[in-house]
Amino acid sequence: MKQLLRLIGVSFAVATLGATAFAGTQMYSGKEMKQVAPVAPTCDFTWTGFYLGGNAGYGWGHADTDFNPLPDPTTFANLAPTTLHPDPDGFIGGGQLGYNYQWNWLVLGLETDFQGSDIEGNDRVDGFAGFTAPPTNTDTFLEAHERVQWLGTVRGRIGFAPICRLLIYGTGGLAYGNVDYSAQTNFGTTFFHGASYPVDFTETKTGWTAGGGIEYAISNHWTVRAEYLHYDLGNESRTGQEFIAGVPQGPPFAVRYNFDTSGEIVRGGLNYKF
């Protein structure tokens, strides 16, 4: 009887200890799970939506201008084929409007912008060379000028958001702009009867643009960006007929000019997201 009571007592003690241990394990596991598996923070910003903003920056261009004597260099002995480099540069600034759609980390968008420009350049060569008989007087010169008056683009954008408020993107599409061109081949007042071959005109050009940038949301409505674009508006050609003492002459002599119109833009921008 004593042994039975002793066995019951031992069994009760073991059961009590087991229950206590089990309860302790349950409490410990619950606490431990809370420590090692906290609720992940959620992003409080989305790039989806319309936006409107402004931009300002610096542009520099590639405006190589070819001087080609007509009907050919041998006949036009006093002018060799020549290229001048009136590479323009200057301020550019304006505004942009666009829409983004975000899906997880991927961001797709469409943007249009328009800006005025002070991108302008000039190049001049005095006492230029001829093909077989170079001019000898010092008041002969070649001159080329190019200025981008305004520039606009319509571009697609594709990017990714590696962190909540940061967007890294590439962009490309249509570019269009208004460009002033001028060039002159001038034989001065004494040589070759003072002949000159001027052109001066303005064209609205279309082409393409591509680049990329980085944008950051400083609040739920305001974002700032830095962006690079290359634009190419193609070439433009004109023929300058011969003038002597301001009077237009007929064939055969003329100068054919070919202007390159491309460049780079770096700019900053500020957007308001609706």
C-alpha atoms as a PDB file:
ATOM      1  CA  MET A   1       0.000   0.000   0.000  1.00  0.00           C
ATOM      2  CA  LYS A   2       2.822   2.323   0.835  1.00  0.00           C
ATOM      3  CA  GLN A   3       4.453   1.513  -2.484  1.00  0.00           C
ATOM      4  CA  LEU A   4       1.213   2.265  -4.383  1.00  0.00           C
ATOM      5  CA  LEU A   5       0.844   5.614  -2.652  1.00  0.00           C
ATOM      6  CA  ARG A   6       4.477   6.365  -3.386  1.00  0.00           C
ATOM      7  CA  LEU A   7       4.004   5.471  -7.080  1.00  0.00           C
ATOM      8  CA  ILE A   8       0.906   7.666  -7.329  1.00  0.00           C
ATOM      9  CA  GLY A   9       2.818  10.542  -5.756  1.00  0.00           C
ATOM     10  CA  VAL A  10       5.732  10.147  -8.133  1.00  0.00           C
ATOM     11  CA  SER A  11       3.407   9.937 -11.152  1.00  0.00           C
ATOM     12  CA  PHE A  12       1.583  13.100 -10.046  1.00  0.00           C
ATOM     13  CA  ALA A  13       4.882  14.938  -9.617  1.00  0.00           C
ATOM     14  CA  VAL A  14       6.085  13.859 -13.072  1.00  0.00           C
ATOM     15  CA  ALA A  15       2.792  14.889 -14.645  1.00  0.00           C
ATOM     16  CA  THR A  16       2.926  18.256 -12.922  1.00  0.00           C
ATOM     17  CA  LEU A  17       6.493  18.861 -14.076  1.00  0.00           C
ATOM     18  CA  GLY A  18       5.599  17.794 -17.638  1.00  0.00           C
ATOM     19  CA  ALA A  19       2.619  20.100 -17.779  1.00  0.00           C
ATOM     20  CA  THR A  20       4.703  22.980 -16.472  1.00  0.00           C
ATOM     21  CA  ALA A  21       7.440  22.259 -18.989  1.00  0.00           C
ATOM     22  CA  PHE A  22       4.919  22.053 -21.845  1.00  0.00           C
ATOM     23  CA  ALA A  23       3.301  25.313 -20.816  1.00  0.00           C
ATOM     24  CA  GLY A  24       6.728  26.959 -20.629  1.00  0.00           C
ATOM     25  CA  THR A  25       7.588  25.715 -24.072  1.00  0.00           C
ATOM     26  CA  GLN A  26       4.374  27.128 -25.513  1.00  0.00           C
ATOM     27  CA  MET A  27       4.991  30.552 -23.966  1.00  0.00           C
ATOM     28  CA  TYR A  28       8.605  30.616 -25.096  1.00  0.00           C
ATOM     29  CA  SER A  29       7.776  29.588 -28.676  1.00  0.00           C
ATOM     30  CA  GLY A  30       5.137  32.247 -29.057  1.00  0.00           C
ATOM     31  CA  LYS A  31       7.469  34.940 -27.779  1.00  0.00           C
ATOM     32  CA  GLU A  32      10.307  33.686 -29.954  1.00  0.00           C
ATOM     33  CA  MET A  33       8.138  33.730 -33.102  1.00  0.00           C
ATOM     34  CA  LYS A  34       7.264  37.356 -32.484  1.00  0.00           C
ATOM     35  CA  GLN A  35      10.947  38.224 -32.226  1.00  0.00           C
ATOM     36  CA  VAL A  36      12.238  36.420 -35.338  1.00  0.00           C
ATOM     37  CA  ALA A  37       9.284  37.018 -37.666  1.00  0.00           C
ATOM     38  CA  PRO A  38       8.171  40.659 -37.340  1.00  0.00           C
ATOM     39  CA  VAL A  39       5.646  42.100 -39.781  1.00  0.00           C
ATOM     40  CA  ALA A  40       7.478  43.406 -42.851  1.00  0.00           C
ATOM     41  CA  PRO A  41       7.147  47.175 -43.386  1.00  0.00           C
ATOM     42  CA  THR A  42       5.055  48.191 -46.421  1.00  0.00           C
ATOM     43  CA  CYS A  43       5.890  50.927 -48.956  1.00  0.00           C
ATOM     44  CA  ASP A  44       3.699  53.993 -48.505  1.00  0.00           C
ATOM     45  CA  PHE A  45       4.387  55.368 -52.013  1.00  0.00           C
ATOM     46  CA  THR A  46       3.460  54.328 -55.565  1.00  0.00           C
ATOM     47  CA  TRP A  47       4.763  55.717 -58.851  1.00  0.00           C
ATOM     48  CA  THR A  48       1.388  55.135 -60.515  1.00  0.00           C
ATOM     49  CA  GLY A  49      -0.321  58.354 -61.588  1.00  0.00           C
ATOM     50  CA  PHE A  50      -0.068  61.560 -63.598  1.00  0.00           C
ATOM     51  CA  TYR A  51       2.615  64.154 -62.925  1.00  0.00           C
ATOM     52  CA  LEU A  52       3.513  67.674 -64.069  1.00  0.00           C
ATOM     53  CA  GLY A  53       6.804  69.500 -63.571  1.00  0.00           C
ATOM     54  CA  GLY A  54       9.660  71.667 -64.775  1.00  0.00           C
ATOM     55  CA  ASN A  55      13.242  71.114 -65.830  1.00  0.00           C
ATOM     56  CA  ALA A  56      16.436  73.082 -66.432  1.00  0.00           C
ATOM     57  CA  GLY A  57      19.909  72.114 -67.569  1.00  0.00           C
ATOM     58  CA  TYR A  58      22.751  72.380 -70.055  1.00  0.00           C
ATOM     59  CA  GLY A  59      23.001  71.196 -73.637  1.00  0.00           C
ATOM     60  CA  TRP A  60      25.832  70.844 -76.112  1.00  0.00           C
ATOM     61  CA  GLY A  61      25.591  69.886 -79.754  1.00  0.00           C
ATOM     62  CA  HIS A  62      27.404  68.335 -82.678  1.00  0.00           C
ATOM     63  CA  ALA A  63      26.919  70.636 -85.653  1.00  0.00           C
ATOM     64  CA  ASP A  64      29.585  69.683 -88.175  1.00  0.00           C
ATOM     65  CA  THR A  65      29.044  71.747 -91.338  1.00  0.00           C
ATOM     66  CA  ASP A  66      30.431  70.537 -94.682  1.00  0.00           C
ATOM     67  CA  PHE A  67      31.414  73.015 -97.406  1.00  0.00           C
ATOM     68  CA  ASN A  68      31.324  71.314-100.822  1.00  0.00           C
ATOM     69  CA  PRO A  69      32.267  73.358-103.923  1.00  0.00           C
ATOM     70  CA  LEU A  70      30.089  72.933-107.026  1.00  0.00           C
ATOM     71  CA  PRO A  71      30.139  71.763-109.723  1.00  0.00           C
ATOM     72  CA  ASP A  72      33.275  69.976-108.373  1.00  0.00           C
ATOM     73  CA  PRO A  73      36.519  70.850-106.530  1.00  0.00           C
ATOM     74  CA  THR A  74      38.633  70.818-109.688  1.00  0.00           C
ATOM     75  CA  THR A  75      36.402  73.318-111.510  1.00  0.00           C
ATOM     76  CA  PHE A  76      35.925  75.400-108.363  1.00  0.00           C
ATOM     77  CA  ALA A  77      39.683  75.572-107.864  1.00  0.00           C
ATOM     78  CA  ASN A  78      39.621  78.233-105.158  1.00  0.00           C
ATOM     79  CA  LEU A  79      37.664  76.229-102.556  1.00  0.00           C
ATOM     80  CA  ALA A  80      38.613  72.800-101.218  1.00  0.00           C
ATOM     81  CA  PRO A  81      35.990  70.607 -99.516  1.00  0.00           C
ATOM     82  CA  THR A  82      36.048  71.725 -95.874  1.00  0.00           C
ATOM     83  CA  THR A  83      34.247  70.954 -92.599  1.00  0.00           C
ATOM     84  CA  LEU A  84      33.677  73.508 -89.846  1.00  0.00           C
ATOM     85  CA  HIS A  85      32.572  72.702 -86.292  1.00  0.00           C
ATOM     86  CA  PRO A  86      30.150  75.315 -84.894  1.00  0.00           C
ATOM     87  CA  ASP A  87      29.370  72.989 -81.979  1.00  0.00           C
ATOM     88  CA  PRO A  88      26.658  74.797 -80.012  1.00  0.00           C
ATOM     89  CA  ASP A  89      26.120  74.801 -76.264  1.00  0.00           C
ATOM     90  CA  GLY A  90      23.992  76.653 -73.747  1.00  0.00           C
ATOM     91  CA  PHE A  91      21.046  76.669 -71.336  1.00  0.00           C
ATOM     92  CA  ILE A  92      17.866  74.664 -71.880  1.00  0.00           C
ATOM     93  CA  GLY A  93      14.736  74.645 -69.723  1.00  0.00           C
ATOM     94  CA  GLY A  94      11.003  74.004 -69.830  1.00  0.00           C
ATOM     95  CA  GLY A  95       8.321  71.643 -68.570  1.00  0.00           C
ATOM     96  CA  GLN A  96       7.123  68.048 -68.763  1.00  0.00           C
ATOM     97  CA  LEU A  97       3.893  66.066 -68.362  1.00  0.00           C
ATOM     98  CA  GLY A  98       3.617  62.321 -67.973  1.00  0.00           C
ATOM     99  CA  TYR A  99       1.994  59.212 -66.543  1.00  0.00           C
ATOM    100  CA  ASN A 100       3.530  56.198 -64.765  1.00  0.00           C
ATOM    101  CA  TYR A 101       2.140  52.773 -63.974  1.00  0.00           C
ATOM    102  CA  GLN A 102       3.851  50.627 -61.324  1.00  0.00           C
ATOM    103  CA  TRP A 103       3.554  46.849 -61.079  1.00  0.00           C
ATOM    104  CA  ASN A 104       5.616  45.482 -58.194  1.00  0.00           C
ATOM    105  CA  TRP A 105       9.114  46.856 -58.840  1.00  0.00           C
ATOM    106  CA  LEU A 106       8.511  47.554 -62.574  1.00  0.00           C
ATOM    107  CA  VAL A 107       7.486  51.079 -63.672  1.00  0.00           C
ATOM    108  CA  LEU A 108       6.243  51.919 -67.181  1.00  0.00           C
ATOM    109  CA  GLY A 109       5.509  55.453 -68.320  1.00  0.00           C
ATOM    110  CA  LEU A 110       4.930  57.970 -71.097  1.00  0.00           C
ATOM    111  CA  GLU A 111       6.241  61.543 -71.019  1.00  0.00           C
ATOM    112  CA  THR A 112       6.208  64.631 -73.231  1.00  0.00           C
ATOM    113  CA  ASP A 113       8.306  67.743 -72.663  1.00  0.00           C
ATOM    114  CA  PHE A 114       8.930  71.104 -74.315  1.00  0.00           C
ATOM    115  CA  GLN A 115      11.691  73.609 -73.589  1.00  0.00           C
ATOM    116  CA  GLY A 116      13.255  76.800 -74.858  1.00  0.00           C
ATOM    117  CA  SER A 117      16.937  76.744 -75.653  1.00  0.00           C
ATOM    118  CA  ASP A 118      20.009  78.953 -75.839  1.00  0.00           C
ATOM    119  CA  ILE A 119      22.117  76.178 -77.437  1.00  0.00           C
ATOM    120  CA  GLU A 120      24.152  78.098 -80.022  1.00  0.00           C
ATOM    121  CA  GLY A 121      27.543  77.863 -81.740  1.00  0.00           C
ATOM    122  CA  ASN A 122      29.679  79.523 -84.403  1.00  0.00           C
ATOM    123  CA  ASP A 123      32.894  78.590 -86.232  1.00  0.00           C
ATOM    124  CA  ARG A 124      35.008  80.654 -88.633  1.00  0.00           C
ATOM    125  CA  VAL A 125      38.144  80.072 -90.691  1.00  0.00           C
ATOM    126  CA  ASP A 126      40.014  83.039 -92.204  1.00  0.00           C
ATOM    127  CA  GLY A 127      42.254  82.696 -95.242  1.00  0.00           C
ATOM    128  CA  PHE A 128      40.922  79.276 -96.203  1.00  0.00           C
ATOM    129  CA  ALA A 129      42.602  76.895 -98.634  1.00  0.00           C
ATOM    130  CA  GLY A 130      41.613  76.321-102.256  1.00  0.00           C
ATOM    131  CA  PHE A 131      41.683  73.019-104.121  1.00  0.00           C
ATOM    132  CA  THR A 132      44.409  74.004-106.607  1.00  0.00           C
ATOM    133  CA  ALA A 133      44.733  77.775-106.281  1.00  0.00           C
ATOM    134  CA  PRO A 134      44.318  78.973-102.683  1.00  0.00           C
ATOM    135  CA  PRO A 135      43.120  82.555-102.137  1.00  0.00           C
ATOM    136  CA  THR A 136      45.912  84.969-101.258  1.00  0.00           C
ATOM    137  CA  ASN A 137      44.086  87.890 -99.674  1.00  0.00           C
ATOM    138  CA  THR A 138      43.468  87.891 -95.917  1.00  0.00           C
ATOM    139  CA  ASP A 139      39.789  88.934 -95.965  1.00  0.00           C
ATOM    140  CA  THR A 140      38.560  85.581 -97.291  1.00  0.00           C
ATOM    141  CA  PHE A 141      36.679  83.471 -94.766  1.00  0.00           C
ATOM    142  CA  LEU A 142      34.361  80.529 -94.185  1.00  0.00           C
ATOM    143  CA  GLU A 143      31.734  80.753 -91.440  1.00  0.00           C
ATOM    144  CA  ALA A 144      29.040  78.429 -90.044  1.00  0.00           C
ATOM    145  CA  HIS A 145      26.423  79.005 -87.348  1.00  0.00           C
ATOM    146  CA  GLU A 146      23.729  76.863 -85.699  1.00  0.00           C
ATOM    147  CA  ARG A 147      21.215  77.556 -82.932  1.00  0.00           C
ATOM    148  CA  VAL A 148      18.510  75.337 -81.404  1.00  0.00           C
ATOM    149  CA  GLN A 149      15.638  77.696 -80.536  1.00  0.00           C
ATOM    150  CA  TRP A 150      13.362  75.123 -78.911  1.00  0.00           C
ATOM    151  CA  LEU A 151      13.221  71.372 -78.444  1.00  0.00           C
ATOM    152  CA  GLY A 152      10.499  68.891 -77.539  1.00  0.00           C
ATOM    153  CA  THR A 153      10.227  65.131 -77.062  1.00  0.00           C
ATOM    154  CA  VAL A 154       7.591  62.390 -76.711  1.00  0.00           C
ATOM    155  CA  ARG A 155       9.146  59.392 -74.942  1.00  0.00           C
ATOM    156  CA  GLY A 156       8.370  56.070 -73.374  1.00  0.00           C
ATOM    157  CA  ARG A 157       9.960  55.239 -70.008  1.00  0.00           C
ATOM    158  CA  ILE A 158      10.784  51.892 -68.436  1.00  0.00           C
ATOM    159  CA  GLY A 159      12.369  51.567 -65.026  1.00  0.00           C
ATOM    160  CA  PHE A 160      12.528  49.738 -61.745  1.00  0.00           C
ATOM    161  CA  ALA A 161      12.188  50.771 -58.119  1.00  0.00           C
ATOM    162  CA  PRO A 162      14.927  48.984 -56.138  1.00  0.00           C
ATOM    163  CA  ILE A 163      13.685  50.668 -52.953  1.00  0.00           C
ATOM    164  CA  CYS A 164      10.361  52.217 -52.076  1.00  0.00           C
ATOM    165  CA  ARG A 165      10.846  55.810 -53.301  1.00  0.00           C
ATOM    166  CA  LEU A 166      13.730  55.451 -55.779  1.00  0.00           C
ATOM    167  CA  LEU A 167      13.216  54.999 -59.546  1.00  0.00           C
ATOM    168  CA  ILE A 168      15.964  54.211 -62.061  1.00  0.00           C
ATOM    169  CA  TYR A 169      14.802  54.378 -65.690  1.00  0.00           C
ATOM    170  CA  GLY A 170      15.675  54.394 -69.377  1.00  0.00           C
ATOM    171  CA  THR A 171      13.784  56.487 -71.904  1.00  0.00           C
ATOM    172  CA  GLY A 172      13.514  57.020 -75.659  1.00  0.00           C
ATOM    173  CA  GLY A 173      11.268  58.211 -78.458  1.00  0.00           C
ATOM    174  CA  LEU A 174      10.541  61.139 -80.786  1.00  0.00           C
ATOM    175  CA  ALA A 175      12.457  64.444 -80.725  1.00  0.00           C
ATOM    176  CA  TYR A 176      11.550  67.625 -82.608  1.00  0.00           C
ATOM    177  CA  GLY A 177      13.042  71.108 -82.629  1.00  0.00           C
ATOM    178  CA  ASN A 178      13.356  74.468 -84.352  1.00  0.00           C
ATOM    179  CA  VAL A 179      16.878  75.208 -85.601  1.00  0.00           C
ATOM    180  CA  ASP A 180      18.520  78.264 -87.168  1.00  0.00           C
ATOM    181  CA  TYR A 181      21.248  77.532 -89.750  1.00  0.00           C
ATOM    182  CA  SER A 182      23.604  79.851 -91.609  1.00  0.00           C
ATOM    183  CA  ALA A 183      26.878  79.536 -93.490  1.00  0.00           C
ATOM    184  CA  GLN A 184      28.969  81.617 -95.817  1.00  0.00           C
ATOM    185  CA  THR A 185      31.898  81.275 -98.161  1.00  0.00           C
ATOM    186  CA  ASN A 186      33.312  84.755 -98.739  1.00  0.00           C
ATOM    187  CA  PHE A 187      36.161  85.714-101.054  1.00  0.00           C
ATOM    188  CA  GLY A 188      36.477  89.231 -99.667  1.00  0.00           C
ATOM    189  CA  THR A 189      36.600  92.412-101.699  1.00  0.00           C
ATOM    190  CA  THR A 190      39.573  91.881-103.985  1.00  0.00           C
ATOM    191  CA  PHE A 191      39.892  88.198-104.858  1.00  0.00           C
ATOM    192  CA  PHE A 192      37.624  86.347-107.296  1.00  0.00           C
ATOM    193  CA  HIS A 193      35.575  89.532-107.872  1.00  0.00           C
ATOM    194  CA  GLY A 194      34.486  89.544-104.219  1.00  0.00           C
ATOM    195  CA  ALA A 195      32.239  86.497-104.654  1.00  0.00           C
ATOM    196  CA  SER A 196      30.231  85.112-101.721  1.00  0.00           C
ATOM    197  CA  TYR A 197      27.983  82.070-101.266  1.00  0.00           C
ATOM    198  CA  PRO A 198      25.617  82.607 -98.294  1.00  0.00           C
ATOM    199  CA  VAL A 199      22.745  80.545 -96.857  1.00  0.00           C
ATOM    200  CA  ASP A 200      20.520  81.517 -93.920  1.00  0.00           C
ATOM    201  CA  PHE A 201      17.345  79.629 -92.994  1.00  0.00           C
ATOM    202  CA  THR A 202      15.258  78.083 -90.178  1.00  0.00           C
ATOM    203  CA  GLU A 203      13.785  74.583 -90.111  1.00  0.00           C
ATOM    204  CA  THR A 204      11.589  72.574 -87.742  1.00  0.00           C
ATOM    205  CA  LYS A 205      13.259  69.177 -87.555  1.00  0.00           C
ATOM    206  CA  THR A 206      12.207  65.751 -86.290  1.00  0.00           C
ATOM    207  CA  GLY A 207      14.343  62.855 -85.138  1.00  0.00           C
ATOM    208  CA  TRP A 208      14.898  60.624 -82.132  1.00  0.00           C
ATOM    209  CA  THR A 209      16.128  60.798 -78.563  1.00  0.00           C
ATOM    210  CA  ALA A 210      17.278  58.303 -75.922  1.00  0.00           C
ATOM    211  CA  GLY A 211      18.748  58.437 -72.439  1.00  0.00           C
ATOM    212  CA  GLY A 212      18.086  57.642 -68.821  1.00  0.00           C
ATOM    213  CA  GLY A 213      17.792  59.036 -65.342  1.00  0.00           C
ATOM    214  CA  ILE A 214      17.168  58.616 -61.652  1.00  0.00           C
ATOM    215  CA  GLU A 215      14.164  59.967 -59.721  1.00  0.00           C
ATOM    216  CA  TYR A 216      13.383  60.142 -56.008  1.00  0.00           C
ATOM    217  CA  ALA A 217      10.120  60.856 -54.206  1.00  0.00           C
ATOM    218  CA  ILE A 218      10.736  63.389 -51.426  1.00  0.00           C
ATOM    219  CA  SER A 219       7.065  63.163 -50.405  1.00  0.00           C
ATOM    220  CA  ASN A 220       3.885  61.461 -51.613  1.00  0.00           C
ATOM    221  CA  HIS A 221       3.398  64.239 -54.194  1.00  0.00           C
ATOM    222  CA  TRP A 222       6.830  65.719 -54.994  1.00  0.00           C
ATOM    223  CA  THR A 223       9.708  64.021 -56.833  1.00  0.00           C
ATOM    224  CA  VAL A 224      13.130  65.232 -57.983  1.00  0.00           C
ATOM    225  CA  ARG A 225      15.160  63.823 -60.875  1.00  0.00           C
ATOM    226  CA  ALA A 226      18.442  63.979 -62.767  1.00  0.00           C
ATOM    227  CA  GLU A 227      18.364  63.014 -66.446  1.00  0.00           C
ATOM    228  CA  TYR A 228      20.579  62.622 -69.526  1.00  0.00           C
ATOM    229  CA  LEU A 229      19.293  62.661 -73.126  1.00  0.00           C
ATOM    230  CA  HIS A 230      20.958  62.332 -76.519  1.00  0.00           C
ATOM    231  CA  TYR A 231      18.992  63.849 -79.392  1.00  0.00           C
ATOM    232  CA  ASP A 232      19.483  63.552 -83.148  1.00  0.00           C
ATOM    233  CA  LEU A 233      17.487  65.765 -85.511  1.00  0.00           C
ATOM    234  CA  GLY A 234      19.291  64.551 -88.622  1.00  0.00           C
ATOM    235  CA  ASN A 235      21.017  66.617 -91.307  1.00  0.00           C
ATOM    236  CA  GLU A 236      19.931  69.634 -93.312  1.00  0.00           C
ATOM    237  CA  SER A 237      21.407  70.738 -96.664  1.00  0.00           C
ATOM    238  CA  ARG A 238      21.231  73.932 -98.711  1.00  0.00           C
ATOM    239  CA  THR A 239      23.041  75.289-101.768  1.00  0.00           C
ATOM    240  CA  GLY A 240      24.432  78.815-101.640  1.00  0.00           C
ATOM    241  CA  GLN A 241      24.412  80.434-105.050  1.00  0.00           C
ATOM    242  CA  GLU A 242      27.079  82.874-106.126  1.00  0.00           C
ATOM    243  CA  PHE A 243      26.739  86.584-105.351  1.00  0.00           C
ATOM    244  CA  ILE A 244      29.130  89.196-106.730  1.00  0.00           C
ATOM    245  CA  ALA A 245      28.798  92.676-105.251  1.00  0.00           C
ATOM    246  CA  GLY A 246      25.416  91.586-103.893  1.00  0.00           C
ATOM    247  CA  VAL A 247      24.086  90.544-107.304  1.00  0.00           C
ATOM    248  CA  PRO A 248      23.059  86.863-107.724  1.00  0.00           C
ATOM    249  CA  GLN A 249      24.870  84.971-110.458  1.00  0.00           C
ATOM    250  CA  GLY A 250      23.932  81.847-112.373  1.00  0.00           C
ATOM    251  CA  PRO A 251      25.735  78.487-112.651  1.00  0.00           C
ATOM    252  CA  PRO A 252      28.181  76.871-112.658  1.00  0.00           C
ATOM    253  CA  PHE A 253      29.648  77.979-109.310  1.00  0.00           C
ATOM    254  CA  ALA A 254      27.901  77.341-105.986  1.00  0.00           C
ATOM    255  CA  VAL A 255      28.613  75.879-102.531  1.00  0.00           C
ATOM    256  CA  ARG A 256      26.604  73.015-101.061  1.00  0.00           C
ATOM    257  CA  TYR A 257      26.329  73.098 -97.249  1.00  0.00           C
ATOM    258  CA  ASN A 258      25.380  70.117 -95.078  1.00  0.00           C
ATOM    259  CA  PHE A 259      24.575  70.691 -91.384  1.00  0.00           C
ATOM    260  CA  ASP A 260      24.553  68.010 -88.684  1.00  0.00           C
ATOM    261  CA  THR A 261      22.035  68.550 -85.848  1.00  0.00           C
ATOM    262  CA  SER A 262      22.540  66.353 -82.805  1.00  0.00           C
ATOM    263  CA  GLY A 263      23.561  66.833 -79.193  1.00  0.00           C
ATOM    264  CA  GLU A 264      23.419  65.959 -75.511  1.00  0.00           C
ATOM    265  CA  ILE A 265      21.385  67.314 -72.594  1.00  0.00           C
ATOM    266  CA  VAL A 266      21.896  66.969 -68.852  1.00  0.00           C
ATOM    267  CA  ARG A 267      19.169  68.433 -66.659  1.00  0.00           C
ATOM    268  CA  GLY A 268      17.427  68.369 -63.333  1.00  0.00           C
ATOM    269  CA  GLY A 269      13.695  68.317 -62.791  1.00  0.00           C
ATOM    270  CA  LEU A 270      10.967  68.716 -60.166  1.00  0.00           C
ATOM    271  CA  ASN A 271       7.576  66.983 -60.542  1.00  0.00           C
ATOM    272  CA  TYR A 272       4.245  67.179 -58.766  1.00  0.00           C
ATOM    273  CA  LYS A 273       2.461  63.792 -58.739  1.00  0.00           C
ATOM    274  CA  PHE A 274      -1.338  63.926 -58.623  1.00  0.00           C
END
